[in-house]
Protein backbone atom coordinates (compact mmCIF):
# COMPACT_ATOMS: atom_id res chain seq x y z
CA UNK A 1 102.62 94.40 117.85
CA UNK A 2 103.24 97.27 115.53
CA UNK A 3 106.95 98.02 114.28
CA UNK A 4 108.99 101.00 115.75
CA UNK A 5 111.93 102.23 114.44
CA UNK A 6 113.85 104.36 116.81
CA UNK A 7 116.68 106.77 115.31
CA UNK A 8 118.51 109.55 116.48
CA UNK A 9 117.62 112.95 114.61
CA UNK A 10 120.22 115.42 115.22
CA UNK A 11 119.01 118.15 113.14
CA UNK A 12 115.69 118.96 111.91
CA UNK A 13 114.27 121.67 109.45
CA UNK A 14 112.56 124.37 111.59
CA UNK A 15 108.59 124.78 111.10
CA UNK A 16 105.79 126.24 112.20
CA UNK A 17 103.53 124.21 114.46
CA UNK A 18 100.59 122.22 112.68
CA UNK A 19 97.45 122.36 115.01
CA UNK A 20 96.96 118.59 113.95
CA UNK A 21 99.90 116.60 115.02
CA UNK A 22 98.48 113.36 114.87
CA UNK A 23 97.53 113.51 111.43
CA UNK A 24 100.67 115.03 110.24
CA UNK A 25 102.25 111.91 112.60
CA UNK A 26 100.36 109.64 110.35
CA UNK A 27 101.03 111.40 107.40
CA UNK A 28 104.89 111.19 107.57
CA UNK A 29 105.22 107.88 109.68
CA UNK A 30 107.57 110.23 111.92
CA UNK A 31 107.45 111.52 115.41
CA UNK A 32 110.18 113.86 116.42
CA UNK A 33 111.04 113.78 120.14
CA UNK A 34 113.32 116.28 122.05
CA UNK A 35 114.92 115.02 125.00
CA UNK A 36 117.46 116.81 127.48
CA UNK A 37 121.09 115.62 127.26
CA UNK A 38 122.11 116.77 130.53
CA UNK A 39 119.38 115.83 133.07
CA UNK A 40 120.70 112.63 134.33
CA UNK A 41 119.00 110.14 135.44
CA UNK A 42 115.82 111.37 134.29
CA UNK A 43 117.10 112.16 130.60
CA UNK A 44 120.81 112.01 129.20
CA UNK A 45 122.78 111.53 126.36
CA UNK A 46 124.82 108.08 126.73
CA UNK A 47 128.22 107.49 125.79
CA UNK A 48 127.60 107.04 122.40
CA UNK A 49 124.84 109.93 122.35
CA UNK A 50 121.60 107.93 122.72
CA UNK A 51 119.20 109.14 124.48
CA UNK A 52 118.96 107.24 127.94
CA UNK A 53 117.01 107.72 131.25
CA UNK A 54 113.66 107.29 132.59
CA UNK A 55 111.80 109.78 130.02
CA UNK A 56 113.48 108.48 127.05
CA UNK A 57 112.52 105.39 127.75
CA UNK A 58 108.99 105.88 128.78
CA UNK A 59 108.79 108.02 125.43
CA UNK A 60 109.95 105.18 123.35
CA UNK A 61 107.08 103.10 124.89
CA UNK A 62 104.95 105.74 124.77
CA UNK A 63 105.62 105.85 120.81
CA UNK A 64 105.09 102.11 120.96
CA UNK A 65 101.91 102.45 122.06
CA UNK A 66 101.07 105.29 119.74
CA UNK A 67 102.01 103.40 116.49
CA UNK A 68 99.42 100.36 117.73
CA UNK A 69 96.45 102.87 119.01
CA UNK A 70 96.89 104.73 115.45
CA UNK A 71 97.20 101.39 113.40
CA UNK A 72 100.62 102.29 111.82
CA UNK A 73 102.46 100.04 110.34
CA UNK A 74 105.58 101.46 111.15
CA UNK A 75 106.45 104.55 113.03
CA UNK A 76 109.77 106.38 113.41
CA UNK A 77 110.57 108.10 116.69
CA UNK A 78 113.41 110.42 115.93
CA UNK A 79 114.79 111.70 119.54
CA UNK A 80 116.30 115.23 119.37
CA UNK A 81 118.60 116.50 121.87
CA UNK A 82 117.64 119.34 123.44
CA UNK A 83 118.73 122.01 125.77
CA UNK A 84 117.26 123.58 128.83
CA UNK A 85 117.51 127.12 127.17
CA UNK A 86 116.07 125.98 123.75
CA UNK A 87 113.58 122.90 124.31
CA UNK A 88 110.39 124.76 124.76
CA UNK A 89 111.33 127.18 121.85
CA UNK A 90 111.92 124.25 119.64
CA UNK A 91 108.61 122.58 120.45
CA UNK A 92 106.91 126.01 119.91
CA UNK A 93 108.47 126.34 116.20
CA UNK A 94 107.43 122.62 115.48
CA UNK A 95 111.14 121.20 115.39
CA UNK A 96 110.00 119.01 117.71
CA UNK A 97 106.11 117.00 118.16
CA UNK A 98 106.93 116.13 122.03
CA UNK A 99 109.29 117.30 124.73
CA UNK A 100 110.45 114.30 126.74
CA UNK A 101 112.66 115.04 129.46
CA UNK A 102 112.97 116.84 132.71
CA UNK A 103 110.43 119.84 132.11
CA UNK A 104 108.66 121.22 135.39
CA UNK A 105 104.87 122.41 134.93
CA UNK A 106 104.55 126.07 135.55
CA UNK A 107 101.73 128.62 134.63
CA UNK A 108 104.78 130.68 132.62
CA UNK A 109 105.73 127.98 130.22
CA UNK A 110 101.89 126.83 130.07
CA UNK A 111 101.93 130.70 128.14
CA UNK A 112 104.26 128.32 125.49
CA UNK A 113 103.43 125.22 125.52
CA UNK A 114 100.90 122.20 126.76
CA UNK A 115 101.44 119.68 129.45
CA UNK A 116 100.50 116.01 129.57
CA UNK A 117 99.37 114.43 132.83
CA UNK A 118 102.30 114.25 135.06
CA UNK A 119 104.91 111.67 135.01
CA UNK A 120 107.64 112.66 137.98
CA UNK A 121 107.39 114.49 140.63
CA UNK A 122 110.98 115.99 141.70
CA UNK A 123 112.11 119.04 143.68
CA UNK A 124 115.25 121.60 144.00
CA UNK A 125 117.82 120.70 146.70
CA UNK A 126 121.09 121.26 147.30
CA UNK A 127 124.67 119.70 147.91
CA UNK A 128 126.85 120.98 150.39
CA UNK A 129 130.42 120.83 151.15
CA UNK A 130 130.82 118.56 154.62
CA UNK A 131 130.66 121.31 157.89
CA UNK A 132 128.84 123.84 155.74
CA UNK A 133 125.81 123.42 158.16
CA UNK A 134 122.52 121.64 157.48
CA UNK A 135 120.10 124.45 156.37
CA UNK A 136 119.46 126.95 153.79
CA UNK A 137 120.84 129.85 156.40
CA UNK A 138 124.00 128.09 156.86
CA UNK A 139 124.89 129.32 153.30
CA UNK A 140 124.53 132.68 153.60
CA UNK A 141 126.85 134.47 152.36
CA UNK A 142 128.64 131.60 150.56
CA UNK A 143 128.98 130.86 146.74
CA UNK A 144 125.76 129.24 145.13
CA UNK A 145 125.80 127.65 141.92
CA UNK A 146 122.81 126.10 140.02
CA UNK A 147 122.05 125.63 136.37
CA UNK A 148 120.78 128.66 134.31
CA UNK A 149 117.51 128.80 132.41
CA UNK A 150 115.65 126.59 134.67
CA UNK A 151 113.03 126.43 137.65
CA UNK A 152 115.66 125.71 139.94
CA UNK A 153 117.08 129.39 139.09
CA UNK A 154 113.98 130.97 140.40
CA UNK A 155 113.66 128.97 143.15
CA UNK A 156 116.69 129.61 144.77
CA UNK A 157 116.51 133.24 144.27
CA UNK A 158 113.22 133.23 145.86
CA UNK A 159 114.03 131.00 148.96
CA UNK A 160 116.96 133.30 149.58
CA UNK A 161 115.17 136.69 148.88
CA UNK A 162 112.22 135.02 151.39
CA UNK A 163 114.90 134.09 154.34
CA UNK A 164 116.47 137.41 153.95
CA UNK A 165 119.81 135.95 152.79
CA UNK A 166 122.51 137.32 150.63
CA UNK A 167 124.86 135.02 148.91
CA UNK A 168 127.06 135.14 145.81
CA UNK A 169 125.14 133.29 143.05
CA UNK A 170 126.98 131.58 139.85
CA UNK A 171 124.81 130.23 136.85
CA UNK A 172 126.07 127.50 134.63
CA UNK A 173 125.56 126.41 131.12
CA UNK A 174 125.36 122.71 132.41
CA UNK A 175 125.13 120.42 135.25
CA UNK A 176 128.64 118.97 134.11
CA UNK A 177 130.19 122.72 134.47
CA UNK A 178 128.19 123.08 137.77
CA UNK A 179 129.74 119.97 139.41
CA UNK A 180 133.23 120.48 138.33
CA UNK A 181 133.46 123.94 139.91
CA UNK A 182 131.84 122.42 143.22
CA UNK A 183 134.56 119.56 142.93
CA UNK A 184 137.11 122.24 142.28
CA UNK A 185 136.19 124.42 145.31
CA UNK A 186 134.87 127.15 143.31
CA UNK A 187 131.38 126.96 144.76
CA UNK A 188 130.26 126.00 148.56
CA UNK A 189 126.87 124.31 147.66
CA UNK A 190 124.79 123.56 143.99
CA UNK A 191 121.17 123.60 143.45
CA UNK A 192 119.44 121.11 141.25
CA UNK A 193 116.38 118.85 141.32
CA UNK A 194 116.87 116.36 144.18
CA UNK A 195 117.07 113.49 141.15
CA UNK A 196 120.64 114.56 139.58
CA UNK A 197 121.94 115.83 142.54
CA UNK A 198 121.57 112.01 143.87
CA UNK A 199 122.86 110.68 140.45
CA UNK A 200 126.02 112.57 140.43
CA UNK A 201 126.49 112.22 144.43
CA UNK A 202 126.48 108.53 144.02
CA UNK A 203 128.33 108.14 140.70
CA UNK A 204 130.79 110.81 141.28
CA UNK A 205 131.36 109.31 144.79
CA UNK A 206 131.27 112.68 146.40
CA UNK A 207 130.39 111.41 150.11
CA UNK A 208 133.52 111.62 151.65
CA UNK A 209 133.79 115.65 151.06
CA UNK A 210 130.06 117.03 150.36
CA UNK A 211 126.81 115.92 152.29
CA UNK A 212 123.55 115.94 150.16
CA UNK A 213 121.00 118.00 152.60
CA UNK A 214 117.73 116.62 153.41
CA UNK A 215 115.89 120.06 153.01
CA UNK A 216 113.64 120.57 149.94
CA UNK A 217 112.98 124.09 148.50
CA UNK A 218 110.04 122.90 145.97
CA UNK A 219 107.86 120.03 145.11
CA UNK A 220 107.74 120.21 141.25
CA UNK A 221 105.18 118.08 138.66
CA UNK A 222 107.17 117.21 135.64
CA UNK A 223 105.44 116.28 132.39
CA UNK A 224 105.81 115.85 129.12
CA UNK A 225 105.49 119.40 127.00
CA UNK A 226 103.55 119.09 123.67
CA UNK A 227 102.45 121.36 121.22
CA UNK A 228 99.62 124.34 122.51
CA UNK A 229 96.31 124.41 121.40
CA UNK A 230 96.31 120.65 119.94
CA UNK A 231 93.93 119.18 122.41
CA UNK A 232 93.29 115.87 120.17
CA UNK A 233 97.14 115.42 120.69
CA UNK A 234 97.26 116.09 124.29
CA UNK A 235 94.31 113.72 124.67
CA UNK A 236 95.66 110.70 122.80
CA UNK A 237 99.33 111.06 125.53
CA UNK A 238 96.91 111.35 128.15
CA UNK A 239 95.35 108.40 127.34
CA UNK A 240 98.03 106.39 126.28
CA UNK A 241 100.30 107.26 129.55
CA UNK A 242 96.60 106.78 131.78
CA UNK A 243 97.02 103.08 130.75
CA UNK A 244 100.50 102.64 131.25
CA UNK A 245 99.88 103.62 134.50
CA UNK A 246 97.16 101.35 134.76
CA UNK A 247 98.74 98.26 133.33
CA UNK A 248 102.24 99.00 135.33
CA UNK A 249 104.34 100.19 132.55
CA UNK A 250 105.37 103.39 134.11
CA UNK A 251 106.18 101.79 137.24
CA UNK A 252 108.57 99.34 135.48
CA UNK A 253 110.40 101.86 133.15
CA UNK A 254 110.85 103.88 136.61
CA UNK A 255 112.47 100.42 138.06
CA UNK A 256 114.61 99.75 135.13
CA UNK A 257 115.85 102.77 134.72
CA UNK A 258 116.46 103.77 138.55
CA UNK A 259 117.62 100.64 140.16
CA UNK A 260 117.34 100.44 143.73
CA UNK A 261 115.64 103.69 144.28
CA UNK A 262 112.31 103.60 145.67
CA UNK A 263 109.45 106.24 144.66
CA UNK A 264 108.62 108.76 147.69
CA UNK A 265 105.30 109.78 148.72
CA UNK A 266 104.57 112.36 146.44
CA UNK A 267 105.74 109.97 143.46
CA UNK A 268 103.42 107.19 144.65
CA UNK A 269 100.57 109.35 145.25
CA UNK A 270 100.91 110.27 141.08
CA UNK A 271 100.96 106.77 140.35
CA UNK A 272 97.27 106.47 142.36
CA UNK A 273 96.11 109.82 141.21
CA UNK A 274 96.37 109.25 137.38
CA UNK A 275 92.96 109.34 135.43
CA UNK A 276 90.70 106.49 135.64
CA UNK A 277 91.37 104.31 132.17
CA UNK A 278 87.89 103.58 130.97
């Protein structure tokens, strides 16, 4: 087993994205992995600022597999904190080699970056105050919050427009601020990925005052974002992920980082539909 040194890289020199990511990784012995710090339980920074959650753990295993496949004596994996607003830009600029966070695959984003095969399936849902009703229509005229610069924002705006509903929308720079506003009474409801809502609902003991609705606005495939146009690197990542699906690694990481959570039908289907390993 090759040695993998995991480090937290807080700052990197900006540079243009090289087409041959594999060659650069071979030359430097380092891969720089961006991770979201505020998307628990999928990707977040723990109390010491270290990468935690499903996708950073998965990328740690992926980096180890890469070290073995490329026959590197040592591969240093630098985990770089990124935000929802700058994550794709930093990948396109070459600050990071791979984005390992809760990133939904969209055609608009594919104008800037490429994506691996899917590693998770999530969807936009909502937490409301108890007594506010159980359907989207019950939120008409209410004050609604969500994280800015995410697919959730567009999903909420599109859903309200399609339903002919009006509401007051509040955008937040991070989920912590959004949940604080909800708890303080400034919001009637808060939208986010269902995984993020469940994590905060349970860890924050919100069940007495709030309800997590079953209504899902979107079904979103999430994947690792990669440099656009580097097909060799994308094929390497997809091959390693496919092998990790086949040998049960991804299922083990899921259960280790999300204890007690059972994969839904869409996620189980994704496990079955991963590319065949020859």
